[in-house]
N, C-alpha and C. Protein backbone atom coordinates (compact mmCIF):
# COMPACT_ATOMS: atom_id res chain seq x y z
N MET A 1 0.84 -1.19 0.00
CA MET A 1 0.00 0.00 0.00
C MET A 1 0.88 1.25 0.00
N ALA A 2 0.57 2.18 -0.88
CA ALA A 2 1.35 3.41 -0.98
C ALA A 2 1.02 4.35 0.18
N HIS A 3 2.02 5.06 0.64
CA HIS A 3 1.83 6.02 1.71
C HIS A 3 1.40 7.36 1.11
N ALA A 4 0.57 8.07 1.82
CA ALA A 4 0.13 9.38 1.36
C ALA A 4 1.31 10.36 1.41
N THR A 5 1.35 11.21 0.43
CA THR A 5 2.38 12.24 0.35
C THR A 5 1.71 13.59 0.43
N GLU A 6 2.31 14.52 1.17
CA GLU A 6 1.79 15.88 1.22
C GLU A 6 2.80 16.81 0.58
N ILE A 7 2.31 17.62 -0.34
CA ILE A 7 3.14 18.68 -0.91
C ILE A 7 2.47 20.01 -0.58
N SER A 8 3.27 21.03 -0.49
CA SER A 8 2.71 22.34 -0.16
C SER A 8 2.98 23.30 -1.30
N PHE A 9 2.05 24.22 -1.47
CA PHE A 9 2.13 25.21 -2.54
C PHE A 9 1.65 26.54 -1.99
N TRP A 10 2.48 27.55 -2.10
CA TRP A 10 2.12 28.90 -1.66
C TRP A 10 2.04 29.82 -2.86
N THR A 11 1.21 30.82 -2.76
CA THR A 11 1.14 31.85 -3.79
C THR A 11 0.78 33.19 -3.17
N TRP A 12 1.04 34.24 -3.90
CA TRP A 12 0.67 35.59 -3.50
C TRP A 12 -0.53 36.07 -4.32
N ARG A 13 -0.93 35.31 -5.32
CA ARG A 13 -1.95 35.77 -6.26
C ARG A 13 -3.36 35.45 -5.75
N GLN A 14 -3.89 36.36 -4.99
CA GLN A 14 -5.24 36.20 -4.42
C GLN A 14 -6.29 36.04 -5.53
N GLU A 15 -6.08 36.71 -6.64
CA GLU A 15 -7.06 36.67 -7.73
C GLU A 15 -7.13 35.30 -8.41
N ASP A 16 -6.15 34.45 -8.17
CA ASP A 16 -6.13 33.10 -8.77
C ASP A 16 -6.50 32.00 -7.78
N LYS A 17 -6.88 32.38 -6.58
CA LYS A 17 -7.12 31.41 -5.51
C LYS A 17 -8.17 30.36 -5.91
N ALA A 18 -9.29 30.77 -6.48
CA ALA A 18 -10.35 29.83 -6.87
C ALA A 18 -9.85 28.86 -7.94
N ALA A 19 -9.09 29.36 -8.90
CA ALA A 19 -8.56 28.50 -9.96
C ALA A 19 -7.58 27.47 -9.39
N TYR A 20 -6.71 27.91 -8.47
CA TYR A 20 -5.78 26.98 -7.83
C TYR A 20 -6.53 25.90 -7.03
N ASN A 21 -7.55 26.32 -6.28
CA ASN A 21 -8.34 25.35 -5.51
C ASN A 21 -8.97 24.31 -6.43
N GLU A 22 -9.51 24.74 -7.54
CA GLU A 22 -10.12 23.82 -8.50
C GLU A 22 -9.06 22.89 -9.10
N PHE A 23 -7.93 23.46 -9.48
CA PHE A 23 -6.85 22.66 -10.07
C PHE A 23 -6.37 21.59 -9.08
N PHE A 24 -6.13 21.98 -7.83
CA PHE A 24 -5.63 21.02 -6.85
C PHE A 24 -6.68 19.98 -6.47
N ALA A 25 -7.96 20.36 -6.49
CA ALA A 25 -9.02 19.37 -6.24
C ALA A 25 -9.02 18.31 -7.35
N ASP A 26 -8.90 18.75 -8.60
CA ASP A 26 -8.83 17.82 -9.73
C ASP A 26 -7.58 16.95 -9.64
N PHE A 27 -6.46 17.57 -9.28
CA PHE A 27 -5.20 16.84 -9.15
C PHE A 27 -5.33 15.74 -8.09
N THR A 28 -5.93 16.07 -6.94
CA THR A 28 -6.09 15.11 -5.86
C THR A 28 -7.01 13.96 -6.26
N LYS A 29 -8.05 14.24 -7.06
CA LYS A 29 -8.92 13.17 -7.54
C LYS A 29 -8.13 12.17 -8.38
N GLU A 30 -7.22 12.67 -9.20
CA GLU A 30 -6.42 11.81 -10.07
C GLU A 30 -5.23 11.19 -9.34
N ASN A 31 -4.86 11.77 -8.23
CA ASN A 31 -3.70 11.31 -7.45
C ASN A 31 -4.09 11.23 -5.98
N PRO A 32 -4.92 10.26 -5.61
CA PRO A 32 -5.46 10.22 -4.25
C PRO A 32 -4.42 10.03 -3.14
N ASP A 33 -3.22 9.58 -3.49
CA ASP A 33 -2.18 9.41 -2.48
C ASP A 33 -1.34 10.67 -2.28
N ILE A 34 -1.72 11.76 -2.98
CA ILE A 34 -0.99 13.01 -2.84
C ILE A 34 -1.96 14.09 -2.37
N HIS A 35 -1.65 14.68 -1.23
CA HIS A 35 -2.45 15.78 -0.70
C HIS A 35 -1.68 17.08 -0.91
N VAL A 36 -2.37 18.08 -1.48
CA VAL A 36 -1.75 19.38 -1.69
C VAL A 36 -2.25 20.34 -0.62
N LYS A 37 -1.32 20.88 0.16
CA LYS A 37 -1.65 21.91 1.14
C LYS A 37 -1.41 23.25 0.46
N PHE A 38 -2.49 23.93 0.11
CA PHE A 38 -2.42 25.18 -0.64
C PHE A 38 -2.69 26.36 0.28
N GLU A 39 -1.81 27.37 0.22
CA GLU A 39 -2.01 28.59 1.00
C GLU A 39 -1.75 29.81 0.12
N SER A 40 -2.59 30.79 0.27
CA SER A 40 -2.48 32.04 -0.48
C SER A 40 -2.28 33.18 0.51
N PHE A 41 -1.23 33.98 0.29
CA PHE A 41 -0.89 35.06 1.19
C PHE A 41 -1.00 36.41 0.47
N PRO A 42 -1.25 37.49 1.19
CA PRO A 42 -1.26 38.81 0.57
C PRO A 42 0.09 39.11 -0.08
N ASP A 43 0.05 39.72 -1.25
CA ASP A 43 1.29 39.94 -2.00
C ASP A 43 2.30 40.81 -1.27
N GLU A 44 1.84 41.74 -0.42
CA GLU A 44 2.78 42.64 0.24
C GLU A 44 3.61 41.96 1.32
N ILE A 45 3.17 40.79 1.81
CA ILE A 45 3.95 40.08 2.83
C ILE A 45 4.53 38.77 2.32
N TYR A 46 4.19 38.39 1.11
CA TYR A 46 4.63 37.09 0.56
C TYR A 46 6.16 36.94 0.55
N PRO A 47 6.92 37.91 0.03
CA PRO A 47 8.38 37.74 0.05
C PRO A 47 8.96 37.54 1.45
N THR A 48 8.40 38.22 2.44
CA THR A 48 8.87 38.05 3.82
C THR A 48 8.56 36.66 4.33
N ILE A 49 7.36 36.17 4.04
CA ILE A 49 6.97 34.82 4.47
C ILE A 49 7.90 33.78 3.85
N VAL A 50 8.16 33.93 2.56
CA VAL A 50 9.02 32.96 1.86
C VAL A 50 10.45 33.04 2.37
N SER A 51 11.00 34.23 2.50
CA SER A 51 12.40 34.34 2.95
C SER A 51 12.56 33.83 4.38
N THR A 52 11.57 34.06 5.23
CA THR A 52 11.61 33.56 6.60
C THR A 52 11.57 32.03 6.61
N ALA A 53 10.71 31.45 5.79
CA ALA A 53 10.61 29.99 5.70
C ALA A 53 11.91 29.39 5.16
N LEU A 54 12.49 30.01 4.14
CA LEU A 54 13.75 29.51 3.59
C LEU A 54 14.86 29.58 4.62
N ALA A 55 14.94 30.67 5.35
CA ALA A 55 15.98 30.82 6.36
C ALA A 55 15.83 29.78 7.48
N ALA A 56 14.60 29.38 7.75
CA ALA A 56 14.34 28.39 8.80
C ALA A 56 14.39 26.96 8.27
N GLY A 57 14.65 26.81 6.97
CA GLY A 57 14.68 25.47 6.37
C GLY A 57 13.30 24.85 6.25
N LYS A 58 12.28 25.67 6.12
CA LYS A 58 10.91 25.18 6.06
C LYS A 58 10.18 25.68 4.83
N ALA A 59 10.85 25.72 3.71
CA ALA A 59 10.22 26.17 2.48
C ALA A 59 9.19 25.14 2.01
N THR A 60 8.29 25.60 1.18
CA THR A 60 7.26 24.71 0.64
C THR A 60 7.83 23.83 -0.47
N SER A 61 7.03 22.87 -0.89
CA SER A 61 7.42 22.01 -2.00
C SER A 61 7.52 22.81 -3.29
N SER A 62 6.62 23.76 -3.44
CA SER A 62 6.60 24.62 -4.62
C SER A 62 6.30 26.03 -4.17
N THR A 63 7.19 26.94 -4.48
CA THR A 63 7.04 28.32 -4.03
C THR A 63 7.28 29.27 -5.19
N PRO A 64 6.22 29.62 -5.91
CA PRO A 64 6.42 30.59 -6.99
C PRO A 64 6.75 31.95 -6.40
N MET A 65 7.54 32.72 -7.13
CA MET A 65 7.96 34.03 -6.65
C MET A 65 7.74 35.09 -7.71
N PRO A 66 7.22 36.24 -7.31
CA PRO A 66 7.18 37.36 -8.24
C PRO A 66 8.62 37.82 -8.48
N MET A 67 8.92 38.23 -9.66
CA MET A 67 10.30 38.59 -9.98
C MET A 67 10.86 39.67 -9.05
N ALA A 68 10.06 40.64 -8.69
CA ALA A 68 10.56 41.70 -7.79
C ALA A 68 10.87 41.16 -6.41
N GLY A 69 10.18 40.13 -5.99
CA GLY A 69 10.37 39.61 -4.65
C GLY A 69 11.50 38.60 -4.52
N ILE A 70 11.93 38.02 -5.62
CA ILE A 70 12.92 36.95 -5.53
C ILE A 70 14.36 37.47 -5.44
N ASN A 71 14.63 38.64 -5.95
CA ASN A 71 16.01 39.14 -5.96
C ASN A 71 16.64 39.22 -4.57
N PRO A 72 15.97 39.78 -3.56
CA PRO A 72 16.60 39.80 -2.22
C PRO A 72 16.83 38.40 -1.66
N ILE A 73 15.95 37.47 -2.00
CA ILE A 73 16.10 36.10 -1.50
C ILE A 73 17.31 35.44 -2.16
N ILE A 74 17.47 35.59 -3.47
CA ILE A 74 18.63 35.02 -4.16
C ILE A 74 19.92 35.61 -3.60
N ASN A 75 19.93 36.92 -3.41
CA ASN A 75 21.13 37.57 -2.89
C ASN A 75 21.45 37.11 -1.48
N ALA A 76 20.44 36.84 -0.66
CA ALA A 76 20.67 36.38 0.70
C ALA A 76 21.17 34.93 0.72
N LEU A 77 20.63 34.10 -0.16
CA LEU A 77 21.01 32.69 -0.19
C LEU A 77 22.38 32.47 -0.84
N PHE A 78 22.71 33.30 -1.80
CA PHE A 78 23.95 33.13 -2.55
C PHE A 78 24.77 34.43 -2.53
N PRO A 79 25.25 34.83 -1.36
CA PRO A 79 25.93 36.13 -1.24
C PRO A 79 27.23 36.21 -2.02
N SER A 80 27.81 35.09 -2.38
CA SER A 80 29.09 35.15 -3.09
C SER A 80 28.93 35.14 -4.60
N CYS A 81 27.70 35.22 -5.08
CA CYS A 81 27.48 35.25 -6.53
C CYS A 81 28.12 36.50 -7.12
N PHE A 82 28.64 36.39 -8.30
CA PHE A 82 29.24 37.53 -8.97
C PHE A 82 28.18 38.53 -9.44
N LEU A 83 27.03 38.00 -9.82
CA LEU A 83 25.96 38.86 -10.31
C LEU A 83 25.04 39.20 -9.17
N ARG A 84 25.00 40.45 -8.82
CA ARG A 84 24.10 40.90 -7.75
C ARG A 84 22.79 41.32 -8.40
N LEU A 85 21.71 40.67 -8.03
CA LEU A 85 20.40 40.99 -8.62
C LEU A 85 19.73 42.11 -7.86
């Protein structure tokens, strides 16, 4: 018997919340051993939530990032990169 797997997905796009819920419900019907924990956060605090989770080693399975919000995170995670974003 297969064990249930949980994956997590965060987004900042409040306007897409209903579509994501529908997509993940369909996904779960086709993949009953996989549970998707979906959370939607306000866009103004999303980069802080993600960077805090990454720093604590508790990032989600899938974490989309708005381009403006990802640059400080990349710079914090890879401070020795030659290209500063």
